[in-house]
Amino acid sequence: MKILFLYTELAGYFVSCLHELAPRCESIHIVSWPVNKEAPFQFMFPDNVTIYERNEYSQNQLLQLVAGIAPDKIVCSGWVDKGYVKVCRAFKGKVPTIMSMDNQWHGTAKQQMMRLIAPFYLHRNFSHAWVPGEPQKQYALKLGFKNERIATGFYSADTALFSPLSRCKQESLPHRFIYVGRYIKAKGLDMLFAAFIELQQETPNDWELWCVGTGELFEQRPMHPKIVHHGFVQPGDLPSYLQQTGVFVLPSLFEPWGVVVHEMAAAGMPMVLSSAVGSASQFVENGKNGYVFQSGNKESLKKALKLMMEQNDDQLMQMGAASSKIGLSHTPKIWAETLIGISL
């Protein structure tokens, strides 16, 4: 079997899935956009994976490339790249042409328009939809994909990398929150910083906030004795930071899914997440392994952070164990099996 991915931005969790898929394939071909400068990841691909730079191919050259590969399945990142869509149109009906997407249904005017044109646009190009979870499946159904043509679990954390960390915290979880992500407005970091600083002023305690990542707002980061900014970290180096922290926090204002939540669950981290995080519905049971607060509401965030700070060590450990169990409900192996199982 030869599989082609028409991808936007590559990420480490996707590469971990490829390592599970590669032994089952003759070859894997990936056309991808340039690496995001805000997240300059370094990847190690299996031997039978070939990478092509999207910006080196015109539309005709891309079609010729794919014709030469003669893939048995094509997975395309949404419909944003018109060149990718045209490739899928050329192969629709010959092989599975699988559209991935992580958008949730919000009923916006733009989504309503896409719902109307889907029969004339999306279904000319794609035979299947592959989405992360139930919130995205509802959108796929509204776009006219039949239930049996929609697969879930499109994103998976590198559980082999993160799950051993849950066994590193035998006695207690460090009293440190950790944020992992970009420093951009959509992540709600300004509100997180303000909420944490206010809590330290109102009820001083031993909790700290560690932040891993970079982005356009990094230079505007606040300097506080209990907030530590570590900058960008390669995925392989992240475990050392997780071993020194106890609770993951993600205050996003907009987060269609958030693979990092799966990663932190697999690592056995209790979590504080905003209601905007799509993967919260799959990986957080409110009160059992974390707390979900109202997105954009600083007081709601403060309440969730304070609830976590008030847990004793045994309670925090129990929440971490619950996260670990939930995190292993989906793995790269299951991801690979899902793709192999998709057929016309």
Protein backbone atom coordinates (compact mmCIF):
# COMPACT_ATOMS: atom_id res chain seq x y z
CA MET A 1 0.00 0.00 0.00
CA LYS A 2 1.18 3.50 -0.91
CA ILE A 3 -0.32 6.38 1.05
CA LEU A 4 -0.10 10.07 0.17
CA PHE A 5 -0.58 12.91 2.65
CA LEU A 6 -1.29 16.39 1.32
CA TYR A 7 -0.42 18.26 4.50
CA THR A 8 -0.21 21.78 5.81
CA GLU A 9 2.14 22.01 8.84
CA LEU A 10 3.93 18.91 10.07
CA ALA A 11 4.03 18.19 13.80
CA GLY A 12 5.74 15.70 16.06
CA TYR A 13 2.58 13.83 17.01
CA PHE A 14 1.85 13.19 13.31
CA VAL A 15 5.36 11.76 12.84
CA SER A 16 4.78 9.35 15.75
CA CYS A 17 1.68 8.11 13.93
CA LEU A 18 3.75 7.60 10.77
CA HIS A 19 6.10 5.31 12.69
CA GLU A 20 3.12 3.07 13.47
CA LEU A 21 1.85 3.24 9.90
CA ALA A 22 5.15 2.75 8.05
CA PRO A 23 5.61 -1.02 8.68
CA ARG A 24 2.18 -1.63 7.11
CA CYS A 25 2.97 0.28 3.90
CA GLU A 26 5.21 -0.07 0.88
CA SER A 27 5.79 3.69 0.95
CA ILE A 28 4.41 6.91 2.44
CA HIS A 29 4.58 10.22 0.58
CA ILE A 30 4.05 13.62 2.21
CA VAL A 31 3.65 16.95 0.47
CA SER A 32 3.83 19.66 3.12
CA TRP A 33 4.02 23.39 3.68
CA PRO A 34 7.21 24.92 5.14
CA VAL A 35 7.88 24.41 8.85
CA ASN A 36 6.30 27.11 11.03
CA LYS A 37 9.02 29.51 12.18
CA GLU A 38 7.30 29.81 15.58
CA ALA A 39 7.61 26.05 16.06
CA PRO A 40 10.82 24.91 14.30
CA PHE A 41 10.43 21.21 14.99
CA GLN A 42 13.07 18.70 13.90
CA PHE A 43 11.64 15.40 12.67
CA MET A 44 12.94 11.84 12.27
CA PHE A 45 10.92 10.00 9.63
CA PRO A 46 10.74 6.24 8.92
CA ASP A 47 12.90 5.06 6.01
CA ASN A 48 9.99 4.52 3.62
CA VAL A 49 8.69 8.09 4.01
CA THR A 50 9.43 10.69 1.31
CA ILE A 51 8.86 14.41 1.91
CA TYR A 52 8.08 16.94 -0.83
CA GLU A 53 8.04 20.73 -0.31
CA ARG A 54 4.70 22.12 -1.44
CA ASN A 55 6.16 25.45 -2.61
CA GLU A 56 8.41 23.68 -5.11
CA TYR A 57 5.48 22.38 -7.18
CA SER A 58 3.10 24.18 -9.51
CA GLN A 59 -0.41 22.78 -9.91
CA ASN A 60 0.52 20.72 -12.99
CA GLN A 61 3.76 19.53 -11.40
CA LEU A 62 1.86 18.44 -8.31
CA LEU A 63 -0.61 16.44 -10.38
CA GLN A 64 2.28 14.81 -12.28
CA LEU A 65 4.03 13.97 -9.02
CA VAL A 66 0.95 12.27 -7.58
CA ALA A 67 0.26 10.42 -10.83
CA GLY A 68 3.79 9.03 -10.66
CA ILE A 69 3.34 7.95 -7.04
CA ALA A 70 -0.01 6.26 -7.88
CA PRO A 71 -1.19 6.24 -4.24
CA ASP A 72 -3.73 3.77 -2.87
CA LYS A 73 -5.10 6.39 -0.43
CA ILE A 74 -4.88 10.17 -0.20
CA VAL A 75 -5.30 12.15 3.03
CA CYS A 76 -5.73 15.90 2.56
CA SER A 77 -5.55 18.68 5.18
CA GLY A 78 -8.96 20.28 4.73
CA TRP A 79 -9.79 22.37 1.67
CA VAL A 80 -7.58 25.41 2.27
CA ASP A 81 -4.96 24.45 -0.38
CA LYS A 82 -6.72 24.56 -3.75
CA GLY A 83 -3.91 22.60 -5.38
CA TYR A 84 -4.40 19.76 -2.92
CA VAL A 85 -8.15 19.81 -3.59
CA LYS A 86 -7.58 19.48 -7.34
CA VAL A 87 -5.38 16.45 -6.77
CA CYS A 88 -8.16 14.82 -4.76
CA ARG A 89 -10.66 15.63 -7.51
CA ALA A 90 -8.45 13.86 -10.04
CA PHE A 91 -8.35 10.70 -7.92
CA LYS A 92 -11.89 10.74 -6.46
CA GLY A 93 -13.57 7.41 -7.15
CA LYS A 94 -10.29 5.67 -7.95
CA VAL A 95 -8.93 5.58 -4.41
CA PRO A 96 -10.18 6.89 -1.04
CA THR A 97 -9.67 10.66 -0.94
CA ILE A 98 -9.90 11.54 2.74
CA MET A 99 -10.47 15.09 3.95
CA SER A 100 -9.20 15.83 7.45
CA MET A 101 -10.53 18.77 9.45
CA ASP A 102 -10.62 19.93 13.06
CA ASN A 103 -13.30 22.64 12.79
CA GLN A 104 -16.24 22.47 15.17
CA TRP A 105 -19.76 23.40 14.14
CA HIS A 106 -20.69 26.88 15.40
CA GLY A 107 -23.36 27.71 12.85
CA THR A 108 -21.56 30.82 11.58
CA ALA A 109 -22.51 32.41 8.26
CA LYS A 110 -19.32 31.02 6.71
CA GLN A 111 -20.11 27.49 7.92
CA GLN A 112 -23.70 27.75 6.73
CA MET A 113 -22.39 28.74 3.30
CA MET A 114 -19.97 25.79 3.26
CA ARG A 115 -22.86 23.52 4.21
CA LEU A 116 -24.80 24.74 1.17
CA ILE A 117 -21.96 24.37 -1.32
CA ALA A 118 -20.54 21.11 0.11
CA PRO A 119 -22.54 18.86 -2.29
CA PHE A 120 -21.09 20.74 -5.27
CA TYR A 121 -17.57 21.27 -3.91
CA LEU A 122 -16.44 18.97 -1.12
CA HIS A 123 -18.16 15.83 -2.36
CA ARG A 124 -16.69 16.26 -5.85
CA ASN A 125 -13.27 15.88 -4.27
CA PHE A 126 -13.50 13.80 -1.11
CA SER A 127 -14.91 10.35 -0.44
CA HIS A 128 -14.40 10.40 3.34
CA ALA A 129 -13.88 12.77 6.27
CA TRP A 130 -11.44 12.05 9.10
CA VAL A 131 -11.88 14.24 12.18
CA PRO A 132 -10.44 14.35 15.72
CA GLY A 133 -13.62 13.77 17.73
CA GLU A 134 -17.37 14.13 18.15
CA PRO A 135 -17.51 17.98 17.96
CA GLN A 136 -15.94 17.81 14.49
CA LYS A 137 -18.00 14.80 13.43
CA GLN A 138 -21.15 16.87 13.90
CA TYR A 139 -19.78 19.42 11.43
CA ALA A 140 -18.86 16.67 8.95
CA LEU A 141 -22.41 15.32 9.15
CA LYS A 142 -23.81 18.79 8.45
CA LEU A 143 -21.50 18.98 5.43
CA GLY A 144 -23.27 15.92 4.08
CA PHE A 145 -20.78 13.14 4.79
CA LYS A 146 -22.58 9.92 5.67
CA ASN A 147 -21.94 8.51 9.13
CA GLU A 148 -20.14 5.44 7.75
CA ARG A 149 -17.85 7.72 5.74
CA ILE A 150 -16.65 9.68 8.78
CA ALA A 151 -13.74 8.38 10.88
CA THR A 152 -12.70 9.90 14.22
CA GLY A 153 -9.32 9.98 15.97
CA PHE A 154 -7.47 11.97 13.29
CA TYR A 155 -5.07 13.38 15.90
CA SER A 156 -3.12 11.24 18.34
CA ALA A 157 -0.45 12.15 20.84
CA ASP A 158 2.86 10.29 20.87
CA THR A 159 1.69 8.19 23.80
CA ALA A 160 4.92 6.15 23.85
CA LEU A 161 6.81 9.38 24.61
CA PHE A 162 4.43 10.77 27.22
CA SER A 163 2.92 7.77 29.04
CA PRO A 164 6.13 6.77 30.90
CA LEU A 165 6.04 10.14 32.63
CA SER A 166 2.95 9.16 34.60
CA ARG A 167 5.07 6.59 36.41
CA CYS A 168 7.75 9.15 37.28
CA LYS A 169 5.47 10.85 39.81
CA GLN A 170 5.15 8.19 42.47
CA GLU A 171 4.89 10.25 45.66
CA SER A 172 3.54 13.69 44.80
CA LEU A 173 3.02 16.11 41.95
CA PRO A 174 5.14 19.28 42.00
CA HIS A 175 3.14 22.41 42.79
CA ARG A 176 3.78 23.90 39.37
CA PHE A 177 1.34 24.63 36.57
CA ILE A 178 2.73 24.25 33.06
CA TYR A 179 1.52 25.84 29.84
CA VAL A 180 2.77 24.41 26.54
CA GLY A 181 1.96 26.32 23.36
CA ARG A 182 2.52 29.45 21.35
CA TYR A 183 2.48 32.97 22.76
CA ILE A 184 -0.42 34.26 20.67
CA LYS A 185 -3.65 36.05 21.51
CA ALA A 186 -5.86 33.02 20.79
CA LYS A 187 -4.22 31.07 23.63
CA GLY A 188 -5.56 33.43 26.33
CA LEU A 189 -2.17 33.83 27.99
CA ASP A 190 -2.79 37.43 29.12
CA MET A 191 -5.74 36.22 31.16
CA LEU A 192 -3.75 33.30 32.58
CA PHE A 193 -0.91 35.55 33.70
CA ALA A 194 -3.33 38.03 35.28
CA ALA A 195 -5.33 35.31 37.05
CA PHE A 196 -2.23 33.59 38.44
CA ILE A 197 -0.65 36.83 39.65
CA GLU A 198 -3.90 37.91 41.33
CA LEU A 199 -4.16 34.56 43.14
CA GLN A 200 -0.60 34.93 44.41
CA GLN A 201 -1.45 38.37 45.73
CA GLU A 202 -4.74 37.29 47.34
CA THR A 203 -3.57 33.98 48.84
CA PRO A 204 0.23 33.60 48.58
CA ASN A 205 1.26 29.96 48.13
CA ASP A 206 4.06 27.74 46.85
CA TRP A 207 2.59 27.20 43.35
CA GLU A 208 4.52 28.35 40.27
CA LEU A 209 3.60 28.75 36.59
CA TRP A 210 6.01 27.43 33.94
CA CYS A 211 5.48 28.30 30.28
CA VAL A 212 7.02 26.50 27.31
CA GLY A 213 6.78 28.01 23.84
CA THR A 214 7.33 31.18 21.87
CA GLY A 215 5.43 33.43 19.49
CA GLU A 216 4.60 37.00 18.57
CA LEU A 217 3.66 37.94 22.16
CA PHE A 218 6.75 36.41 23.78
CA GLU A 219 8.50 39.77 24.14
CA GLN A 220 5.48 41.07 26.06
CA ARG A 221 5.64 38.29 28.68
CA PRO A 222 5.30 39.45 32.28
CA MET A 223 8.22 39.08 34.64
CA HIS A 224 7.13 37.61 37.98
CA PRO A 225 9.12 35.63 40.57
CA LYS A 226 6.73 32.66 40.28
CA ILE A 227 6.31 32.67 36.48
CA VAL A 228 9.08 31.02 34.46
CA HIS A 229 9.29 31.41 30.66
CA HIS A 230 11.37 28.62 29.08
CA GLY A 231 10.93 29.53 25.40
CA PHE A 232 10.71 26.98 22.58
CA VAL A 233 11.49 23.35 23.42
CA GLN A 234 11.82 20.40 21.02
CA PRO A 235 9.21 17.66 21.68
CA GLY A 236 11.88 15.18 22.71
CA ASP A 237 13.08 17.57 25.44
CA LEU A 238 9.60 18.31 26.82
CA PRO A 239 9.46 15.30 29.20
CA SER A 240 12.14 16.79 31.43
CA TYR A 241 9.95 19.86 31.96
CA LEU A 242 6.85 17.75 32.61
CA GLN A 243 8.69 15.74 35.26
CA GLN A 244 9.28 18.97 37.18
CA THR A 245 5.69 20.22 36.95
CA GLY A 246 2.34 18.94 38.18
CA VAL A 247 -0.72 20.43 36.46
CA PHE A 248 -1.27 21.39 32.84
CA VAL A 249 -3.20 24.57 32.03
CA LEU A 250 -4.55 25.68 28.64
CA PRO A 251 -6.61 28.92 28.72
CA SER A 252 -7.36 29.12 24.96
CA LEU A 253 -9.95 31.47 23.54
CA PHE A 254 -9.93 29.40 20.33
CA GLU A 255 -8.72 25.78 20.15
CA PRO A 256 -10.59 23.50 17.69
CA TRP A 257 -8.88 20.43 19.19
CA GLY A 258 -5.54 20.66 21.00
CA VAL A 259 -3.36 17.53 20.75
CA VAL A 260 -1.32 18.85 23.68
CA VAL A 261 -4.26 17.92 25.94
CA HIS A 262 -3.96 14.28 24.86
CA GLU A 263 -0.20 14.47 25.46
CA MET A 264 -0.67 15.83 28.98
CA ALA A 265 -3.35 13.27 29.77
CA ALA A 266 -1.03 10.46 28.67
CA ALA A 267 1.66 11.98 30.89
CA GLY A 268 -0.64 11.71 33.88
CA MET A 269 -1.21 15.42 34.39
CA PRO A 270 -4.29 16.88 36.07
CA MET A 271 -5.56 19.70 33.84
CA VAL A 272 -7.21 23.12 33.86
CA LEU A 273 -8.72 23.82 30.42
CA SER A 274 -10.96 26.44 28.89
CA SER A 275 -14.31 25.42 27.44
CA ALA A 276 -13.01 26.45 24.00
CA VAL A 277 -10.61 23.48 23.90
CA GLY A 278 -12.16 20.86 21.62
CA SER A 279 -10.28 17.88 23.05
CA ALA A 280 -11.47 18.68 26.59
CA SER A 281 -14.64 16.72 25.86
CA GLN A 282 -12.61 13.56 25.23
CA PHE A 283 -9.75 13.83 27.70
CA VAL A 284 -11.13 15.69 30.75
CA GLU A 285 -13.83 14.52 33.12
CA ASN A 286 -14.62 17.61 35.17
CA GLY A 287 -13.61 17.09 38.80
CA LYS A 288 -12.08 13.67 38.11
CA ASN A 289 -8.86 14.54 36.30
CA GLY A 290 -9.22 18.30 35.90
CA TYR A 291 -11.44 21.33 35.68
CA VAL A 292 -12.98 23.06 32.66
CA PHE A 293 -13.59 26.80 33.05
CA GLN A 294 -15.60 29.22 30.93
CA SER A 295 -13.46 30.47 28.04
CA GLY A 296 -12.56 34.15 28.27
CA ASN A 297 -13.77 34.45 31.88
CA LYS A 298 -10.90 35.35 34.23
CA GLU A 299 -12.91 34.73 37.40
CA SER A 300 -13.87 31.27 36.15
CA LEU A 301 -10.19 30.57 35.43
CA LYS A 302 -9.15 31.82 38.88
CA LYS A 303 -11.72 29.54 40.48
CA ALA A 304 -10.39 26.52 38.58
CA LEU A 305 -6.77 27.31 39.40
CA LYS A 306 -7.65 27.80 43.07
CA LEU A 307 -9.55 24.50 43.18
CA MET A 308 -6.43 22.76 41.87
CA MET A 309 -4.17 24.57 44.36
CA GLU A 310 -6.42 23.43 47.22
CA GLN A 311 -6.08 19.71 46.39
CA ASN A 312 -3.81 17.72 48.67
CA ASP A 313 -1.03 15.53 47.28
CA ASP A 314 -3.12 12.34 47.35
CA GLN A 315 -5.96 14.03 45.47
CA LEU A 316 -3.58 15.41 42.87
CA MET A 317 -2.06 11.94 42.40
CA GLN A 318 -5.52 10.42 41.95
CA MET A 319 -6.35 13.02 39.32
CA GLY A 320 -3.08 12.28 37.55
CA ALA A 321 -3.81 8.55 37.51
CA ALA A 322 -7.25 9.23 36.03
CA SER A 323 -5.67 11.39 33.30
CA SER A 324 -3.20 8.64 32.44
CA LYS A 325 -5.97 6.08 31.95
CA ILE A 326 -8.03 8.45 29.79
CA GLY A 327 -4.96 9.46 27.77
CA LEU A 328 -4.28 5.89 26.67
CA SER A 329 -7.78 5.50 25.21
CA HIS A 330 -6.33 6.63 21.86
CA THR A 331 -2.85 5.86 20.47
CA PRO A 332 -0.85 6.11 17.21
CA LYS A 333 -1.49 2.38 16.71
CA ILE A 334 -5.25 2.98 16.75
CA TRP A 335 -4.68 5.93 14.37
CA ALA A 336 -2.82 3.73 11.90
CA GLU A 337 -5.47 0.98 12.11
CA THR A 338 -8.17 3.55 11.40
CA LEU A 339 -6.45 4.76 8.22
CA ILE A 340 -5.74 1.22 7.01
CA GLY A 341 -9.42 0.40 7.50
CA ILE A 342 -10.75 3.22 5.30
CA SER A 343 -11.82 1.94 1.87
CA LEU A 344 -14.14 2.86 -1.00
